[in-house]
């Protein structure tokens, strides 16, 4: 996207120009592959975070789901997802398209003729595939500790095969939202809110964990390992450099360095914002709120990391962090049980980050990132994602059942679903 060739002059031979441009092509492609590795590390971060925030009797189950999610995500994205999300000329009014099954780089896919010399076809696929798997991981933590394993895996298969690629195409594949002027740099809506809406649908149909909401009020059900949760958040912060930095889609020195700075300062501000509001609300120094504040800052800046000033990124992250404790308390009051705070982090902060584009974004084209377009994107993606997820979960509930029985929930899913324990 941002690949810049070296202009020829009387002093530069055609051969030297070709060598230099090929070097830039190689550097650009290498950066996207390095960013892909960083996004892959985020799956380790999600696994550690979710494992730390559930009870020890459910750790194997949450890790099993995370391992299966990336396997399902990669294979379905290879089979059909990539060509649903990037259908080329196979559009139907900008709402849906399909370029065929499997991968086919063609004659130019592995050369500088593909993507203006920024990366190859296979690099394009593997980078985008990591995002697809990330989307469903968000759902895993929100429905933890009471969902049937087989029901969740079927849901993950359906959602990552159909819903994520279609909404992604609406923006990143040149669909109707892209034409409208909706802007989402790396996925505050297209990745995080999509997963957040699906998580909300699952929570509603599943119901809360046994004993969470009682006549005496809300009973906290704490995770078994805050060190593990903290490690997960730092791994996610680390991986986000690839998530946002790789979304520049080249090794453009100016833009990648800006994205690194806006991303990490927003995360830091998110921690401060969440710490301040949670202390005012509870008069305690709540580590879980600070950790989720970091993630909220990261999610919030993801829509605009390349298009806002450094100062604006701090404000975006600060507000995202302040939202977290309020959103967590709000979902609890509605008796919507989310063990890891995924809906607060990914859904609510994803919405905020997408709105922030219209407030703070600096674009050369005045038709890009307008508030009306951002709100249209939020509502349309939310309606489609939530409705599809609700239908999938409802059909599974009627057909297979989606919730384990009371005995399984009491004894833990590790023993009942897997026949093993995380700890001896």
Protein backbone atom coordinates (compact mmCIF):
# COMPACT_ATOMS: atom_id res chain seq x y z
CA UNK A 1 0.00 0.00 0.00
CA UNK A 2 2.72 2.41 0.98
CA UNK A 3 5.47 0.91 -1.21
CA UNK A 4 7.56 3.66 -2.76
CA UNK A 5 9.86 2.98 -5.69
CA UNK A 6 13.15 4.76 -6.17
CA UNK A 7 12.92 7.28 -9.01
CA UNK A 8 15.39 6.87 -11.83
CA UNK A 9 17.73 9.67 -12.90
CA UNK A 10 20.55 10.18 -15.31
CA UNK A 11 23.01 8.94 -12.69
CA UNK A 12 21.10 5.78 -11.80
CA UNK A 13 21.10 2.90 -14.24
CA UNK A 14 18.00 0.81 -14.93
CA UNK A 15 19.74 -2.21 -13.43
CA UNK A 16 20.54 -0.39 -10.17
CA UNK A 17 16.96 0.87 -9.99
CA UNK A 18 15.61 -2.68 -10.37
CA UNK A 19 17.93 -3.96 -7.64
CA UNK A 20 16.86 -1.20 -5.24
CA UNK A 21 13.16 -1.73 -5.88
CA UNK A 22 13.54 -5.47 -5.38
CA UNK A 23 15.29 -4.80 -2.07
CA UNK A 24 12.36 -2.63 -0.95
CA UNK A 25 9.93 -5.36 -1.99
CA UNK A 26 11.88 -7.89 0.09
CA UNK A 27 12.04 -5.58 3.13
CA UNK A 28 8.32 -4.80 2.95
CA UNK A 29 7.41 -8.46 2.66
CA UNK A 30 9.74 -9.45 5.48
CA UNK A 31 8.16 -6.90 7.83
CA UNK A 32 4.65 -8.22 7.16
CA UNK A 33 5.87 -11.77 7.89
CA UNK A 34 7.50 -10.59 11.13
CA UNK A 35 4.24 -8.85 12.06
CA UNK A 36 2.42 -12.12 11.34
CA UNK A 37 4.60 -13.86 13.92
CA UNK A 38 3.76 -11.16 16.46
CA UNK A 39 0.03 -11.60 15.82
CA UNK A 40 0.48 -15.35 16.27
CA UNK A 41 2.03 -14.65 19.68
CA UNK A 42 -1.22 -12.90 20.61
CA UNK A 43 -2.90 -16.32 20.65
CA UNK A 44 -0.51 -17.32 23.41
CA UNK A 45 -1.46 -14.09 25.17
CA UNK A 46 -5.18 -14.79 24.90
CA UNK A 47 -4.63 -18.34 26.14
CA UNK A 48 -2.65 -17.22 29.18
CA UNK A 49 -5.04 -14.37 30.00
CA UNK A 50 -8.15 -16.52 29.80
CA UNK A 51 -6.53 -19.40 31.66
CA UNK A 52 -5.51 -17.07 34.48
CA UNK A 53 -8.98 -15.54 34.81
CA UNK A 54 -10.89 -18.83 35.05
CA UNK A 55 -10.89 -21.22 37.99
CA UNK A 56 -8.24 -23.92 37.99
CA UNK A 57 -10.83 -26.62 37.35
CA UNK A 58 -11.45 -25.12 33.88
CA UNK A 59 -7.92 -24.32 32.70
CA UNK A 60 -7.47 -27.32 30.39
CA UNK A 61 -10.80 -26.55 28.76
CA UNK A 62 -9.94 -22.93 27.98
CA UNK A 63 -6.52 -23.90 26.61
CA UNK A 64 -8.07 -26.64 24.49
CA UNK A 65 -10.51 -24.16 22.97
CA UNK A 66 -7.74 -21.69 22.18
CA UNK A 67 -5.64 -24.38 20.51
CA UNK A 68 -8.58 -25.51 18.41
CA UNK A 69 -9.61 -21.97 17.50
CA UNK A 70 -6.38 -21.19 15.69
CA UNK A 71 -6.44 -24.55 13.91
CA UNK A 72 -10.05 -24.02 12.79
CA UNK A 73 -9.41 -20.38 11.89
CA UNK A 74 -6.40 -21.08 9.70
CA UNK A 75 -7.94 -24.01 7.83
CA UNK A 76 -11.30 -22.35 7.18
CA UNK A 77 -9.57 -19.17 6.07
CA UNK A 78 -7.53 -21.26 3.63
CA UNK A 79 -10.58 -23.11 2.36
CA UNK A 80 -12.93 -20.18 1.79
CA UNK A 81 -12.46 -17.26 4.20
CA UNK A 82 -9.67 -15.49 2.31
CA UNK A 83 -11.66 -15.49 -0.91
CA UNK A 84 -14.84 -14.39 0.87
CA UNK A 85 -13.00 -11.48 2.42
CA UNK A 86 -11.06 -10.54 -0.72
CA UNK A 87 -13.27 -11.70 -3.62
CA UNK A 88 -11.64 -9.50 -6.24
CA UNK A 89 -14.21 -8.66 -8.90
CA UNK A 90 -16.70 -11.28 -7.66
CA UNK A 91 -18.98 -8.79 -5.89
CA UNK A 92 -22.73 -8.64 -5.40
CA UNK A 93 -23.37 -4.96 -4.77
CA UNK A 94 -20.43 -4.68 -2.38
CA UNK A 95 -22.18 -6.82 0.24
CA UNK A 96 -20.87 -10.28 -0.56
CA UNK A 97 -18.54 -11.96 -3.01
CA UNK A 98 -16.52 -15.11 -3.42
CA UNK A 99 -13.34 -15.72 -5.37
CA UNK A 100 -13.27 -19.53 -5.15
CA UNK A 101 -11.94 -22.20 -2.82
CA UNK A 102 -8.34 -22.61 -1.67
CA UNK A 103 -5.32 -20.50 -2.55
CA UNK A 104 -4.12 -19.54 -6.00
CA UNK A 105 -1.35 -16.94 -6.26
CA UNK A 106 -1.51 -16.91 -10.05
CA UNK A 107 1.41 -15.84 -12.19
CA UNK A 108 2.11 -12.58 -10.34
CA UNK A 109 1.16 -13.44 -6.74
CA UNK A 110 4.71 -14.08 -5.61
CA UNK A 111 6.25 -11.09 -7.37
CA UNK A 112 6.40 -7.33 -6.89
CA UNK A 113 3.48 -7.01 -9.31
CA UNK A 114 1.17 -8.11 -6.47
CA UNK A 115 -0.10 -5.45 -4.03
CA UNK A 116 2.05 -2.67 -5.53
CA UNK A 117 5.20 -4.45 -4.45
CA UNK A 118 4.45 -4.45 -0.72
CA UNK A 119 4.05 -8.19 -0.11
CA UNK A 120 3.31 -11.49 -1.83
CA UNK A 121 0.01 -13.36 -2.12
CA UNK A 122 0.98 -15.94 0.48
CA UNK A 123 2.16 -13.26 2.91
CA UNK A 124 -1.18 -11.51 2.41
CA UNK A 125 -3.03 -14.73 3.23
CA UNK A 126 -1.10 -15.72 6.35
CA UNK A 127 -1.20 -12.23 7.88
CA UNK A 128 -4.94 -11.94 7.37
CA UNK A 129 -5.54 -15.51 8.58
CA UNK A 130 -4.09 -14.64 11.99
CA UNK A 131 -6.72 -11.91 12.35
CA UNK A 132 -9.53 -14.33 11.54
CA UNK A 133 -8.55 -16.70 14.31
CA UNK A 134 -8.20 -13.79 16.77
CA UNK A 135 -11.83 -12.81 16.29
CA UNK A 136 -13.24 -16.07 17.67
CA UNK A 137 -10.78 -16.18 20.56
CA UNK A 138 -12.63 -13.18 22.00
CA UNK A 139 -15.77 -15.33 22.33
CA UNK A 140 -13.91 -18.13 24.10
CA UNK A 141 -13.22 -16.20 27.29
CA UNK A 142 -16.65 -14.61 27.54
CA UNK A 143 -18.50 -17.95 27.52
CA UNK A 144 -15.94 -19.76 29.66
CA UNK A 145 -16.67 -22.21 32.49
CA UNK A 146 -20.16 -23.30 31.39
CA UNK A 147 -20.34 -23.92 27.63
CA UNK A 148 -20.24 -27.39 26.07
CA UNK A 149 -17.03 -27.97 24.16
CA UNK A 150 -18.60 -29.49 21.05
CA UNK A 151 -21.17 -26.66 20.81
CA UNK A 152 -18.45 -24.03 21.07
CA UNK A 153 -16.27 -25.65 18.40
CA UNK A 154 -19.19 -25.86 15.98
CA UNK A 155 -20.00 -22.22 16.65
CA UNK A 156 -16.37 -21.23 16.07
CA UNK A 157 -16.34 -23.10 12.77
CA UNK A 158 -19.52 -21.38 11.54
CA UNK A 159 -18.57 -17.91 12.73
CA UNK A 160 -15.04 -17.78 11.38
CA UNK A 161 -16.10 -19.40 8.10
CA UNK A 162 -18.98 -17.05 7.32
CA UNK A 163 -19.39 -13.99 9.53
CA UNK A 164 -15.89 -12.62 10.00
CA UNK A 165 -14.87 -12.79 6.30
CA UNK A 166 -18.10 -11.13 5.13
CA UNK A 167 -17.88 -8.19 7.53
CA UNK A 168 -14.17 -7.91 6.77
CA UNK A 169 -14.92 -7.72 3.06
CA UNK A 170 -17.33 -4.83 3.65
CA UNK A 171 -14.33 -2.68 4.57
CA UNK A 172 -10.99 -4.30 3.80
CA UNK A 173 -12.11 -6.20 0.72
CA UNK A 174 -13.36 -3.07 -1.02
CA UNK A 175 -17.02 -3.56 -0.09
CA UNK A 176 -19.82 -1.12 0.58
CA UNK A 177 -18.45 0.28 3.86
CA UNK A 178 -15.15 1.08 2.20
CA UNK A 179 -16.98 2.86 -0.61
CA UNK A 180 -19.04 4.77 1.96
CA UNK A 181 -15.93 6.16 3.68
CA UNK A 182 -15.99 4.06 6.86
CA UNK A 183 -12.49 3.80 8.36
CA UNK A 184 -11.08 1.03 10.52
CA UNK A 185 -7.31 0.80 10.23
CA UNK A 186 -6.64 -2.53 11.96
CA UNK A 187 -9.98 -3.72 13.28
CA UNK A 188 -11.54 -2.00 16.31
CA UNK A 189 -14.84 -2.92 14.66
CA UNK A 190 -13.94 -5.48 11.98
CA UNK A 191 -12.06 -7.75 14.43
CA UNK A 192 -12.76 -6.74 18.02
CA UNK A 193 -16.37 -5.60 17.93
CA UNK A 194 -17.31 -8.52 15.67
CA UNK A 195 -15.95 -10.89 18.30
CA UNK A 196 -17.50 -8.80 21.08
CA UNK A 197 -20.99 -8.91 19.54
CA UNK A 198 -20.70 -12.68 19.17
CA UNK A 199 -19.59 -12.97 22.78
CA UNK A 200 -22.59 -10.95 23.92
CA UNK A 201 -24.98 -13.23 22.02
CA UNK A 202 -23.40 -16.29 23.63
CA UNK A 203 -23.58 -14.81 27.12
CA UNK A 204 -27.27 -13.98 26.74
CA UNK A 205 -28.24 -17.49 25.62
CA UNK A 206 -25.94 -19.30 28.05
CA UNK A 207 -26.86 -17.44 31.19
CA UNK A 208 -24.48 -16.70 34.09
CA UNK A 209 -22.30 -19.17 35.95
CA UNK A 210 -24.00 -20.84 38.90
CA UNK A 211 -23.75 -18.67 42.00
CA UNK A 212 -22.61 -15.53 40.21
CA UNK A 213 -25.78 -13.53 40.85
CA UNK A 214 -27.57 -14.23 44.11
CA UNK A 215 -30.35 -12.66 46.19
CA UNK A 216 -27.63 -11.04 48.27
CA UNK A 217 -26.05 -9.45 45.21
CA UNK A 218 -23.17 -10.11 42.84
CA UNK A 219 -20.72 -12.75 44.06
CA UNK A 220 -17.23 -12.32 42.60
CA UNK A 221 -15.83 -15.48 41.03
CA UNK A 222 -12.12 -14.84 40.83
CA UNK A 223 -9.62 -16.40 38.49
CA UNK A 224 -7.05 -18.84 39.79
CA UNK A 225 -3.82 -17.14 38.62
CA UNK A 226 -3.27 -13.41 38.32
CA UNK A 227 0.39 -13.93 37.33
CA UNK A 228 -0.77 -15.97 34.34
CA UNK A 229 -3.33 -13.31 33.43
CA UNK A 230 -0.69 -10.57 33.65
CA UNK A 231 1.70 -12.55 31.44
CA UNK A 232 -1.12 -12.92 28.93
CA UNK A 233 -1.75 -9.18 28.79
CA UNK A 234 1.92 -8.37 28.29
CA UNK A 235 2.11 -10.95 25.49
CA UNK A 236 -0.93 -9.32 23.89
CA UNK A 237 0.64 -5.87 24.21
CA UNK A 238 3.80 -7.26 22.59
CA UNK A 239 1.83 -8.89 19.78
CA UNK A 240 -0.17 -5.73 19.13
CA UNK A 241 2.93 -4.12 17.62
CA UNK A 242 2.46 -6.62 14.81
CA UNK A 243 -1.33 -6.38 14.81
CA UNK A 244 -1.28 -2.61 14.25
CA UNK A 245 2.22 -2.17 12.86
CA UNK A 246 1.71 -4.89 10.28
CA UNK A 247 -1.54 -3.30 9.18
CA UNK A 248 0.48 -0.52 7.55
CA UNK A 249 1.01 -3.26 4.94
CA UNK A 250 4.56 -2.18 4.21
CA UNK A 251 7.77 -1.29 6.02
CA UNK A 252 7.12 2.42 5.56
CA UNK A 253 9.49 3.82 8.20
CA UNK A 254 7.46 6.93 9.02
CA UNK A 255 4.09 5.25 9.35
CA UNK A 256 5.21 2.08 11.15
CA UNK A 257 7.08 4.11 13.75
CA UNK A 258 4.04 6.36 14.29
CA UNK A 259 1.76 3.33 14.72
CA UNK A 260 4.15 1.79 17.26
CA UNK A 261 4.08 4.97 19.33
CA UNK A 262 0.33 5.61 19.17
CA UNK A 263 -0.41 1.97 19.95
CA UNK A 264 1.77 1.67 23.03
CA UNK A 265 0.93 5.10 24.48
CA UNK A 266 -2.76 4.34 24.15
CA UNK A 267 -2.22 1.09 26.05
CA UNK A 268 -0.35 2.90 28.81
CA UNK A 269 -3.06 5.54 29.07
CA UNK A 270 -5.67 2.79 29.20
CA UNK A 271 -4.02 1.36 32.29
CA UNK A 272 -4.08 4.76 34.01
CA UNK A 273 -7.70 5.45 33.07
CA UNK A 274 -8.93 2.08 34.28
CA UNK A 275 -6.92 2.31 37.50
CA UNK A 276 -8.35 5.73 38.33
CA UNK A 277 -12.00 4.92 37.70
CA UNK A 278 -11.87 1.48 39.33
CA UNK A 279 -10.28 3.00 42.45
CA UNK A 280 -13.00 5.63 42.65
CA UNK A 281 -15.65 2.94 42.29
CA UNK A 282 -14.25 0.27 44.64
CA UNK A 283 -11.48 1.94 46.69
CA UNK A 284 -9.21 -0.99 45.79
CA UNK A 285 -6.17 -1.34 43.55
CA UNK A 286 -7.68 -3.92 41.19
CA UNK A 287 -5.05 -5.58 38.99
CA UNK A 288 -7.64 -7.18 36.72
CA UNK A 289 -9.07 -3.76 35.89
CA UNK A 290 -5.63 -2.36 35.07
CA UNK A 291 -4.88 -5.35 32.83
CA UNK A 292 -8.16 -4.95 31.00
CA UNK A 293 -7.51 -1.19 30.84
CA UNK A 294 -4.33 -1.90 28.89
CA UNK A 295 -6.30 -4.08 26.49
CA UNK A 296 -9.04 -1.47 26.23
CA UNK A 297 -6.47 1.13 25.22
CA UNK A 298 -5.09 -1.22 22.59
CA UNK A 299 -8.52 -2.02 21.18
CA UNK A 300 -9.49 1.67 21.20
CA UNK A 301 -6.49 2.84 19.16
CA UNK A 302 -6.65 -0.01 16.66
CA UNK A 303 -9.12 1.81 14.36
CA UNK A 304 -7.00 4.96 14.05
CA UNK A 305 -3.39 4.19 15.00
CA UNK A 306 -2.11 5.47 11.65
CA UNK A 307 -4.32 8.56 11.46
CA UNK A 308 -4.18 10.34 14.81
CA UNK A 309 -1.58 12.39 16.62
CA UNK A 310 0.42 11.05 19.54
CA UNK A 311 -1.47 13.30 21.95
CA UNK A 312 -4.81 12.09 20.58
CA UNK A 313 -3.75 8.46 21.01
CA UNK A 314 -3.16 9.06 24.72
CA UNK A 315 -6.62 10.58 25.10
CA UNK A 316 -8.22 7.71 23.15
CA UNK A 317 -6.52 5.16 25.41
CA UNK A 318 -7.33 7.08 28.59
CA UNK A 319 -11.04 7.19 27.75
CA UNK A 320 -11.01 3.52 26.73
CA UNK A 321 -9.46 2.61 30.08
CA UNK A 322 -12.02 4.71 31.95
CA UNK A 323 -14.80 2.88 30.11
CA UNK A 324 -13.66 -0.56 31.29
CA UNK A 325 -14.73 -0.52 35.00
CA UNK A 326 -18.01 1.20 34.10
CA UNK A 327 -18.78 -1.35 31.39
CA UNK A 328 -17.87 -4.32 33.62
CA UNK A 329 -20.17 -3.01 36.35
CA UNK A 330 -22.90 -2.33 33.80
CA UNK A 331 -22.83 -5.85 32.37
CA UNK A 332 -22.91 -7.26 35.89
CA UNK A 333 -25.99 -5.18 36.73
CA UNK A 334 -27.65 -6.67 33.65
CA UNK A 335 -26.61 -10.14 34.90
CA UNK A 336 -24.51 -10.74 31.81
CA UNK A 337 -21.68 -12.88 33.13
CA UNK A 338 -18.35 -12.45 31.33
CA UNK A 339 -15.51 -14.13 33.26
CA UNK A 340 -12.72 -12.27 31.47
CA UNK A 341 -14.35 -8.93 30.60
CA UNK A 342 -14.19 -9.60 26.85
CA UNK A 343 -17.38 -7.71 26.06
CA UNK A 344 -16.18 -4.63 27.94
CA UNK A 345 -12.75 -4.70 26.30
CA UNK A 346 -13.49 -5.76 22.74
CA UNK A 347 -17.09 -4.70 22.18
CA UNK A 348 -17.44 -1.47 24.14
CA UNK A 349 -13.90 -0.19 23.55
CA UNK A 350 -14.10 -1.34 19.94
CA UNK A 351 -17.15 0.89 19.49
CA UNK A 352 -15.38 3.78 21.22
CA UNK A 353 -12.27 3.37 19.07
CA UNK A 354 -14.32 3.43 15.88
CA UNK A 355 -16.13 6.59 16.99
CA UNK A 356 -12.79 8.17 17.95
CA UNK A 357 -11.73 7.99 14.29
CA UNK A 358 -14.31 10.69 13.47
CA UNK A 359 -13.24 12.83 16.44
CA UNK A 360 -9.45 12.65 16.16
CA UNK A 361 -8.67 11.26 12.70
CA UNK A 362 -6.64 13.36 10.25
CA UNK A 363 -7.36 12.37 6.65
CA UNK A 364 -6.48 13.97 3.31
CA UNK A 365 -9.89 12.95 1.96
CA UNK A 366 -12.69 14.79 3.83
CA UNK A 367 -15.14 12.01 2.90
CA UNK A 368 -13.24 9.43 4.96
CA UNK A 369 -14.01 8.74 8.61
CA UNK A 370 -17.04 10.99 8.98
CA UNK A 371 -19.12 10.39 12.12
CA UNK A 372 -22.17 9.28 10.15
CA UNK A 373 -20.08 6.74 8.24
CA UNK A 374 -18.43 5.43 11.42
CA UNK A 375 -21.81 5.00 13.13
CA UNK A 376 -23.18 3.25 10.03
CA UNK A 377 -20.28 0.81 10.17
CA UNK A 378 -20.72 0.16 13.89
CA UNK A 379 -24.46 -0.47 13.59
CA UNK A 380 -24.37 -2.58 10.42
CA UNK A 381 -21.46 -4.77 11.50
CA UNK A 382 -22.96 -5.08 14.97
CA UNK A 383 -26.41 -6.04 13.70
CA UNK A 384 -25.03 -8.66 11.32
CA UNK A 385 -22.49 -10.13 13.76
CA UNK A 386 -24.86 -10.26 16.74
CA UNK A 387 -27.76 -11.67 14.72
CA UNK A 388 -25.67 -14.36 13.07
CA UNK A 389 -24.03 -15.37 16.37
CA UNK A 390 -27.38 -15.42 18.16
CA UNK A 391 -28.88 -17.65 15.46
CA UNK A 392 -25.90 -20.02 15.55
CA UNK A 393 -25.97 -20.28 19.34
CA UNK A 394 -29.76 -20.64 19.41
CA UNK A 395 -29.77 -23.47 16.87
CA UNK A 396 -27.02 -25.21 18.81
CA UNK A 397 -28.96 -24.71 22.03
CA UNK A 398 -32.05 -26.31 20.54
CA UNK A 399 -30.15 -29.07 18.77
CA UNK A 400 -27.22 -30.09 20.97
CA UNK A 401 -27.57 -27.93 24.03
CA UNK A 402 -24.90 -25.36 24.73
CA UNK A 403 -24.61 -25.46 28.51
CA UNK A 404 -23.11 -28.18 30.66
CA UNK A 405 -25.24 -29.56 33.50
CA UNK A 406 -24.85 -28.48 37.11
CA UNK A 407 -22.66 -31.44 38.06
CA UNK A 408 -20.22 -30.76 35.23
CA UNK A 409 -20.05 -27.08 36.10
CA UNK A 410 -19.46 -27.87 39.77
CA UNK A 411 -16.75 -30.48 39.17
CA UNK A 412 -15.12 -28.48 36.40
CA UNK A 413 -14.89 -28.90 32.66
CA UNK A 414 -11.33 -30.21 32.81
CA UNK A 415 -12.37 -33.49 34.40
CA UNK A 416 -15.81 -33.78 32.82
CA UNK A 417 -14.90 -32.77 29.25
CA UNK A 418 -11.23 -33.78 29.04
CA UNK A 419 -10.53 -36.29 31.79
CA UNK A 420 -7.47 -34.41 33.03
CA UNK A 421 -6.39 -31.60 35.32
CA UNK A 422 -4.19 -28.59 34.56
CA UNK A 423 -2.32 -29.06 37.85
CA UNK A 424 -1.42 -32.23 39.68
